[in-house]
PDB file of all heavy atoms in Angstrom:
ATOM      1  N   LEU A   1       0.829  -1.177  -0.011  1.00  0.00           N
ATOM      2  CA  LEU A   1      -0.020   0.017   0.008  1.00  0.00           C
ATOM      3  C   LEU A   1       0.877   1.270   0.015  1.00  0.00           C
ATOM      4  O   LEU A   1       0.613   2.204  -0.795  1.00  0.00           O
ATOM      5  CB  LEU A   1      -0.910  -0.007   1.225  1.00  0.00           C
ATOM      6  CG  LEU A   1      -1.797   1.244   1.396  1.00  0.00           C
ATOM      7  CD1 LEU A   1      -2.729   1.389   0.233  1.00  0.00           C
ATOM      8  CD2 LEU A   1      -2.575   1.142   2.740  1.00  0.00           C
ATOM      9  N   ALA A   2       1.890   1.293   0.875  1.00  0.00           N
ATOM     10  CA  ALA A   2       2.751   2.455   0.911  1.00  0.00           C
ATOM     11  C   ALA A   2       3.478   2.683  -0.359  1.00  0.00           C
ATOM     12  O   ALA A   2       3.615   3.832  -0.878  1.00  0.00           O
ATOM     13  CB  ALA A   2       3.740   2.287   2.061  1.00  0.00           C
ATOM     14  N   GLY A   3       3.925   1.575  -1.014  1.00  0.00           N
ATOM     15  CA  GLY A   3       4.582   1.694  -2.320  1.00  0.00           C
ATOM     16  C   GLY A   3       3.652   2.172  -3.400  1.00  0.00           C
ATOM     17  O   GLY A   3       4.053   3.019  -4.249  1.00  0.00           O
ATOM     18  N   VAL A   4       2.401   1.719  -3.425  1.00  0.00           N
ATOM     19  CA  VAL A   4       1.421   2.111  -4.403  1.00  0.00           C
ATOM     20  C   VAL A   4       1.058   3.594  -4.229  1.00  0.00           C
ATOM     21  O   VAL A   4       0.960   4.349  -5.181  1.00  0.00           O
ATOM     22  CB  VAL A   4       0.161   1.208  -4.335  1.00  0.00           C
ATOM     23  CG1 VAL A   4      -0.960   1.823  -5.184  1.00  0.00           C
ATOM     24  CG2 VAL A   4       0.478  -0.198  -4.758  1.00  0.00           C
ATOM     25  N   GLN A   5       0.894   3.983  -3.016  1.00  0.00           N
ATOM     26  CA  GLN A   5       0.566   5.411  -2.722  1.00  0.00           C
ATOM     27  C   GLN A   5       1.693   6.313  -3.240  1.00  0.00           C
ATOM     28  O   GLN A   5       1.414   7.343  -3.857  1.00  0.00           O
ATOM     29  CB  GLN A   5       0.378   5.636  -1.209  1.00  0.00           C
ATOM     30  CG  GLN A   5      -0.920   4.999  -0.687  1.00  0.00           C
ATOM     31  CD  GLN A   5      -0.983   5.008   0.831  1.00  0.00           C
ATOM     32  OE1 GLN A   5       0.035   4.853   1.532  1.00  0.00           O
ATOM     33  NE2 GLN A   5      -2.216   5.118   1.363  1.00  0.00           N
ATOM     34  N   GLN A   6       2.960   5.928  -2.997  1.00  0.00           N
ATOM     35  CA  GLN A   6       4.089   6.776  -3.438  1.00  0.00           C
ATOM     36  C   GLN A   6       4.130   6.764  -4.954  1.00  0.00           C
ATOM     37  O   GLN A   6       4.418   7.817  -5.585  1.00  0.00           O
ATOM     38  CB  GLN A   6       5.371   6.233  -2.846  1.00  0.00           C
ATOM     39  CG  GLN A   6       6.594   7.151  -3.130  1.00  0.00           C
ATOM     40  CD  GLN A   6       6.334   8.545  -2.659  1.00  0.00           C
ATOM     41  OE1 GLN A   6       6.021   8.772  -1.476  1.00  0.00           O
ATOM     42  NE2 GLN A   6       6.545   9.539  -3.546  1.00  0.00           N
ATOM     43  N   CYS A   7       3.898   5.607  -5.568  1.00  0.00           N
ATOM     44  CA  CYS A   7       3.906   5.524  -7.010  1.00  0.00           C
ATOM     45  C   CYS A   7       2.854   6.461  -7.624  1.00  0.00           C
ATOM     46  O   CYS A   7       3.138   7.150  -8.591  1.00  0.00           O
ATOM     47  CB  CYS A   7       3.654   4.068  -7.420  1.00  0.00           C
ATOM     48  SG  CYS A   7       3.447   3.801  -9.210  1.00  0.00           S
ATOM     49  N   LEU A   8       1.683   6.485  -7.025  1.00  0.00           N
ATOM     50  CA  LEU A   8       0.663   7.372  -7.575  1.00  0.00           C
ATOM     51  C   LEU A   8       1.022   8.834  -7.360  1.00  0.00           C
ATOM     52  O   LEU A   8       0.783   9.689  -8.244  1.00  0.00           O
ATOM     53  CB  LEU A   8      -0.684   7.091  -6.811  1.00  0.00           C
ATOM     54  CG  LEU A   8      -1.343   5.721  -7.143  1.00  0.00           C
ATOM     55  CD1 LEU A   8      -2.494   5.420  -6.265  1.00  0.00           C
ATOM     56  CD2 LEU A   8      -1.781   5.731  -8.603  1.00  0.00           C
ATOM     57  N   ARG A   9       1.607   9.133  -6.204  1.00  0.00           N
ATOM     58  CA  ARG A   9       2.048  10.555  -5.938  1.00  0.00           C
ATOM     59  C   ARG A   9       3.058  10.983  -7.021  1.00  0.00           C
ATOM     60  O   ARG A   9       3.039  12.106  -7.525  1.00  0.00           O
ATOM     61  CB  ARG A   9       2.627  10.702  -4.538  1.00  0.00           C
ATOM     62  CG  ARG A   9       1.652  10.570  -3.392  1.00  0.00           C
ATOM     63  CD  ARG A   9       2.292  10.949  -2.079  1.00  0.00           C
ATOM     64  NE  ARG A   9       1.438  10.696  -0.962  1.00  0.00           N
ATOM     65  CZ  ARG A   9       1.526   9.624  -0.156  1.00  0.00           C
ATOM     66  NH1 ARG A   9       2.415   8.726  -0.405  1.00  0.00           N
ATOM     67  NH2 ARG A   9       0.634   9.486   0.808  1.00  0.00           N
ATOM     68  N   ASP A  10       3.990  10.051  -7.316  1.00  0.00           N
ATOM     69  CA  ASP A  10       5.023  10.339  -8.328  1.00  0.00           C
ATOM     70  C   ASP A  10       4.404  10.640  -9.693  1.00  0.00           C
ATOM     71  O   ASP A  10       5.027  11.261 -10.521  1.00  0.00           O
ATOM     72  CB  ASP A  10       5.990   9.214  -8.404  1.00  0.00           C
ATOM     73  CG  ASP A  10       6.818   8.989  -7.161  1.00  0.00           C
ATOM     74  OD1 ASP A  10       6.868   9.958  -6.318  1.00  0.00           O
ATOM     75  OD2 ASP A  10       7.429   7.912  -6.995  1.00  0.00           O
ATOM     76  N   ARG A  11       3.219  10.112  -9.888  1.00  0.00           N
ATOM     77  CA  ARG A  11       2.501  10.329 -11.176  1.00  0.00           C
ATOM     78  C   ARG A  11       1.528  11.487 -11.105  1.00  0.00           C
ATOM     79  O   ARG A  11       0.743  11.673 -12.016  1.00  0.00           O
ATOM     80  CB  ARG A  11       1.741   9.038 -11.553  1.00  0.00           C
ATOM     81  CG  ARG A  11       2.695   7.887 -11.900  1.00  0.00           C
ATOM     82  CD  ARG A  11       1.937   6.554 -12.027  1.00  0.00           C
ATOM     83  NE  ARG A  11       2.841   5.470 -12.452  1.00  0.00           N
ATOM     84  CZ  ARG A  11       3.061   5.117 -13.669  1.00  0.00           C
ATOM     85  NH1 ARG A  11       2.412   5.756 -14.664  1.00  0.00           N
ATOM     86  NH2 ARG A  11       3.913   4.149 -13.996  1.00  0.00           N
ATOM     87  N   GLY A  12       1.582  12.235 -10.046  1.00  0.00           N
ATOM     88  CA  GLY A  12       0.732  13.449  -9.918  1.00  0.00           C
ATOM     89  C   GLY A  12      -0.654  13.192  -9.390  1.00  0.00           C
ATOM     90  O   GLY A  12      -1.535  14.018  -9.499  1.00  0.00           O
ATOM     91  N   VAL A  13      -0.874  12.006  -8.840  1.00  0.00           N
ATOM     92  CA  VAL A  13      -2.196  11.608  -8.299  1.00  0.00           C
ATOM     93  C   VAL A  13      -2.271  12.037  -6.829  1.00  0.00           C
ATOM     94  O   VAL A  13      -1.327  11.812  -6.073  1.00  0.00           O
ATOM     95  CB  VAL A  13      -2.449  10.114  -8.440  1.00  0.00           C
ATOM     96  CG1 VAL A  13      -3.792   9.747  -7.792  1.00  0.00           C
ATOM     97  CG2 VAL A  13      -2.452   9.696  -9.896  1.00  0.00           C
ATOM     98  N   ASN A  14      -3.365  12.696  -6.493  1.00  0.00           N
ATOM     99  CA  ASN A  14      -3.572  13.102  -5.072  1.00  0.00           C
ATOM    100  C   ASN A  14      -3.938  11.836  -4.255  1.00  0.00           C
ATOM    101  O   ASN A  14      -4.901  11.179  -4.502  1.00  0.00           O
ATOM    102  CB  ASN A  14      -4.690  14.103  -4.968  1.00  0.00           C
ATOM    103  CG  ASN A  14      -4.342  15.437  -5.641  1.00  0.00           C
ATOM    104  OD1 ASN A  14      -3.185  15.863  -5.573  1.00  0.00           O
ATOM    105  ND2 ASN A  14      -5.335  16.068  -6.269  1.00  0.00           N
ATOM    106  N   VAL A  15      -3.145  11.597  -3.213  1.00  0.00           N
ATOM    107  CA  VAL A  15      -3.355  10.479  -2.290  1.00  0.00           C
ATOM    108  C   VAL A  15      -3.410  11.014  -0.889  1.00  0.00           C
ATOM    109  O   VAL A  15      -2.512  11.770  -0.466  1.00  0.00           O
ATOM    110  CB  VAL A  15      -2.228   9.443  -2.455  1.00  0.00           C
ATOM    111  CG1 VAL A  15      -2.437   8.280  -1.481  1.00  0.00           C
ATOM    112  CG2 VAL A  15      -2.158   8.888  -3.891  1.00  0.00           C
ATOM    113  N   SER A  16      -4.463  10.626  -0.130  1.00  0.00           N
ATOM    114  CA  SER A  16      -4.603  11.143   1.179  1.00  0.00           C
ATOM    115  C   SER A  16      -3.712  10.490   2.202  1.00  0.00           C
ATOM    116  O   SER A  16      -3.367  11.054   3.249  1.00  0.00           O
ATOM    117  CB  SER A  16      -6.093  10.991   1.624  1.00  0.00           C
ATOM    118  OG  SER A  16      -6.392   9.610   1.857  1.00  0.00           O
ATOM    119  N   GLY A  17      -3.355   9.206   1.961  1.00  0.00           N
ATOM    120  CA  GLY A  17      -2.598   8.457   2.914  1.00  0.00           C
ATOM    121  C   GLY A  17      -3.488   7.687   3.881  1.00  0.00           C
ATOM    122  O   GLY A  17      -2.981   6.901   4.728  1.00  0.00           O
ATOM    123  N   GLN A  18      -4.800   7.889   3.758  1.00  0.00           N
ATOM    124  CA  GLN A  18      -5.745   7.158   4.650  1.00  0.00           C
ATOM    125  C   GLN A  18      -6.322   5.908   3.970  1.00  0.00           C
ATOM    126  O   GLN A  18      -7.070   5.229   4.579  1.00  0.00           O
ATOM    127  CB  GLN A  18      -6.918   8.108   5.033  1.00  0.00           C
ATOM    128  CG  GLN A  18      -6.491   9.364   5.737  1.00  0.00           C
ATOM    129  CD  GLN A  18      -5.730   9.095   7.019  1.00  0.00           C
ATOM    130  OE1 GLN A  18      -6.191   8.303   7.839  1.00  0.00           O
ATOM    131  NE2 GLN A  18      -4.565   9.682   7.151  1.00  0.00           N
ATOM    132  N   GLU A  19      -5.957   5.690   2.726  1.00  0.00           N
ATOM    133  CA  GLU A  19      -6.457   4.537   2.006  1.00  0.00           C
ATOM    134  C   GLU A  19      -6.012   3.208   2.642  1.00  0.00           C
ATOM    135  O   GLU A  19      -4.886   3.165   3.195  1.00  0.00           O
ATOM    136  CB  GLU A  19      -6.031   4.566   0.526  1.00  0.00           C
ATOM    137  CG  GLU A  19      -6.502   5.787  -0.231  1.00  0.00           C
ATOM    138  CD  GLU A  19      -5.580   6.966  -0.057  1.00  0.00           C
ATOM    139  OE1 GLU A  19      -4.528   6.844   0.615  1.00  0.00           O
ATOM    140  OE2 GLU A  19      -5.871   8.054  -0.632  1.00  0.00           O
ATOM    141  N   THR A  20      -6.812   2.200   2.558  1.00  0.00           N
ATOM    142  CA  THR A  20      -6.415   0.891   3.083  1.00  0.00           C
ATOM    143  C   THR A  20      -6.548  -0.192   2.054  1.00  0.00           C
ATOM    144  O   THR A  20      -6.138  -1.388   2.274  1.00  0.00           O
ATOM    145  CB  THR A  20      -7.248   0.491   4.321  1.00  0.00           C
ATOM    146  OG1 THR A  20      -8.634   0.406   3.936  1.00  0.00           O
ATOM    147  CG2 THR A  20      -7.089   1.492   5.437  1.00  0.00           C
ATOM    148  N   ASN A  21      -7.197   0.096   0.871  1.00  0.00           N
ATOM    149  CA  ASN A  21      -7.474  -0.965  -0.100  1.00  0.00           C
ATOM    150  C   ASN A  21      -7.659  -0.340  -1.440  1.00  0.00           C
ATOM    151  O   ASN A  21      -7.643   0.868  -1.648  1.00  0.00           O
ATOM    152  CB  ASN A  21      -8.719  -1.743   0.312  1.00  0.00           C
ATOM    153  CG  ASN A  21      -9.920  -0.872   0.614  1.00  0.00           C
ATOM    154  OD1 ASN A  21     -10.192   0.069  -0.152  1.00  0.00           O
ATOM    155  ND2 ASN A  21     -10.563  -1.125   1.740  1.00  0.00           N
ATOM    156  N   VAL A  22      -7.832  -1.230  -2.482  1.00  0.00           N
ATOM    157  CA  VAL A  22      -8.000  -0.783  -3.857  1.00  0.00           C
ATOM    158  C   VAL A  22      -9.249   0.119  -3.991  1.00  0.00           C
ATOM    159  O   VAL A  22      -9.157   1.159  -4.668  1.00  0.00           O
ATOM    160  CB  VAL A  22      -8.050  -1.998  -4.788  1.00  0.00           C
ATOM    161  CG1 VAL A  22      -8.456  -1.532  -6.219  1.00  0.00           C
ATOM    162  CG2 VAL A  22      -6.701  -2.698  -4.832  1.00  0.00           C
ATOM    163  N   PRO A  23     -10.440  -0.232  -3.424  1.00  0.00           N
ATOM    164  CA  PRO A  23     -11.586   0.628  -3.574  1.00  0.00           C
ATOM    165  C   PRO A  23     -11.293   2.069  -3.038  1.00  0.00           C
ATOM    166  O   PRO A  23     -11.794   3.039  -3.616  1.00  0.00           O
ATOM    167  CB  PRO A  23     -12.656  -0.060  -2.753  1.00  0.00           C
ATOM    168  CG  PRO A  23     -12.295  -1.528  -2.834  1.00  0.00           C
ATOM    169  CD  PRO A  23     -10.798  -1.510  -2.789  1.00  0.00           C
ATOM    170  N   ASP A  24     -10.541   2.179  -1.939  1.00  0.00           N
ATOM    171  CA  ASP A  24     -10.214   3.513  -1.431  1.00  0.00           C
ATOM    172  C   ASP A  24      -9.387   4.289  -2.470  1.00  0.00           C
ATOM    173  O   ASP A  24      -9.625   5.457  -2.713  1.00  0.00           O
ATOM    174  CB  ASP A  24      -9.419   3.403  -0.125  1.00  0.00           C
ATOM    175  CG  ASP A  24     -10.242   2.950   1.054  1.00  0.00           C
ATOM    176  OD1 ASP A  24     -11.484   2.941   0.948  1.00  0.00           O
ATOM    177  OD2 ASP A  24      -9.655   2.585   2.090  1.00  0.00           O
ATOM    178  N   LEU A  25      -8.389   3.595  -3.039  1.00  0.00           N
ATOM    179  CA  LEU A  25      -7.536   4.275  -4.017  1.00  0.00           C
ATOM    180  C   LEU A  25      -8.310   4.581  -5.257  1.00  0.00           C
ATOM    181  O   LEU A  25      -7.895   5.500  -6.038  1.00  0.00           O
ATOM    182  CB  LEU A  25      -6.322   3.333  -4.354  1.00  0.00           C
ATOM    183  CG  LEU A  25      -5.372   3.076  -3.231  1.00  0.00           C
ATOM    184  CD1 LEU A  25      -4.441   1.903  -3.545  1.00  0.00           C
ATOM    185  CD2 LEU A  25      -4.531   4.371  -2.936  1.00  0.00           C
ATOM    186  N   GLN A  26      -9.382   3.852  -5.534  1.00  0.00           N
ATOM    187  CA  GLN A  26     -10.172   4.022  -6.727  1.00  0.00           C
ATOM    188  C   GLN A  26     -11.394   4.922  -6.508  1.00  0.00           C
ATOM    189  O   GLN A  26     -12.211   5.078  -7.411  1.00  0.00           O
ATOM    190  CB  GLN A  26     -10.631   2.649  -7.216  1.00  0.00           C
ATOM    191  CG  GLN A  26     -11.235   2.597  -8.597  1.00  0.00           C
ATOM    192  CD  GLN A  26     -12.042   1.330  -8.842  1.00  0.00           C
ATOM    193  OE1 GLN A  26     -12.109   0.468  -7.962  1.00  0.00           O
ATOM    194  NE2 GLN A  26     -12.636   1.232 -10.013  1.00  0.00           N
ATOM    195  N   SER A  27     -11.526   5.480  -5.317  1.00  0.00           N
ATOM    196  CA  SER A  27     -12.743   6.213  -4.967  1.00  0.00           C
ATOM    197  C   SER A  27     -13.018   7.397  -5.902  1.00  0.00           C
ATOM    198  O   SER A  27     -14.152   7.792  -6.076  1.00  0.00           O
ATOM    199  CB  SER A  27     -12.639   6.702  -3.513  1.00  0.00           C
ATOM    200  OG  SER A  27     -11.508   7.602  -3.388  1.00  0.00           O
ATOM    201  N   ASP A  28     -11.952   7.906  -6.504  1.00  0.00           N
ATOM    202  CA  ASP A  28     -12.109   8.985  -7.482  1.00  0.00           C
ATOM    203  C   ASP A  28     -11.397   8.612  -8.763  1.00  0.00           C
ATOM    204  O   ASP A  28     -10.225   8.944  -8.924  1.00  0.00           O
ATOM    205  CB  ASP A  28     -11.543  10.295  -6.918  1.00  0.00           C
ATOM    206  CG  ASP A  28     -11.755  11.495  -7.856  1.00  0.00           C
ATOM    207  OD1 ASP A  28     -12.366  11.308  -8.938  1.00  0.00           O
ATOM    208  OD2 ASP A  28     -11.277  12.586  -7.523  1.00  0.00           O
ATOM    209  N   PRO A  29     -12.083   7.891  -9.652  1.00  0.00           N
ATOM    210  CA  PRO A  29     -11.397   7.404 -10.877  1.00  0.00           C
ATOM    211  C   PRO A  29     -10.788   8.528 -11.701  1.00  0.00           C
ATOM    212  O   PRO A  29      -9.800   8.349 -12.414  1.00  0.00           O
ATOM    213  CB  PRO A  29     -12.540   6.725 -11.641  1.00  0.00           C
ATOM    214  CG  PRO A  29     -13.542   6.399 -10.614  1.00  0.00           C
ATOM    215  CD  PRO A  29     -13.461   7.521  -9.585  1.00  0.00           C
TER     216      PRO A  29
END
């Protein structure tokens, strides 16, 4: 999860850091 969050941040995606699963990360397609 931590690695995926950082990967998304590196791609300019806003990540809250409160996500725990794929649906959380996908909450805003």
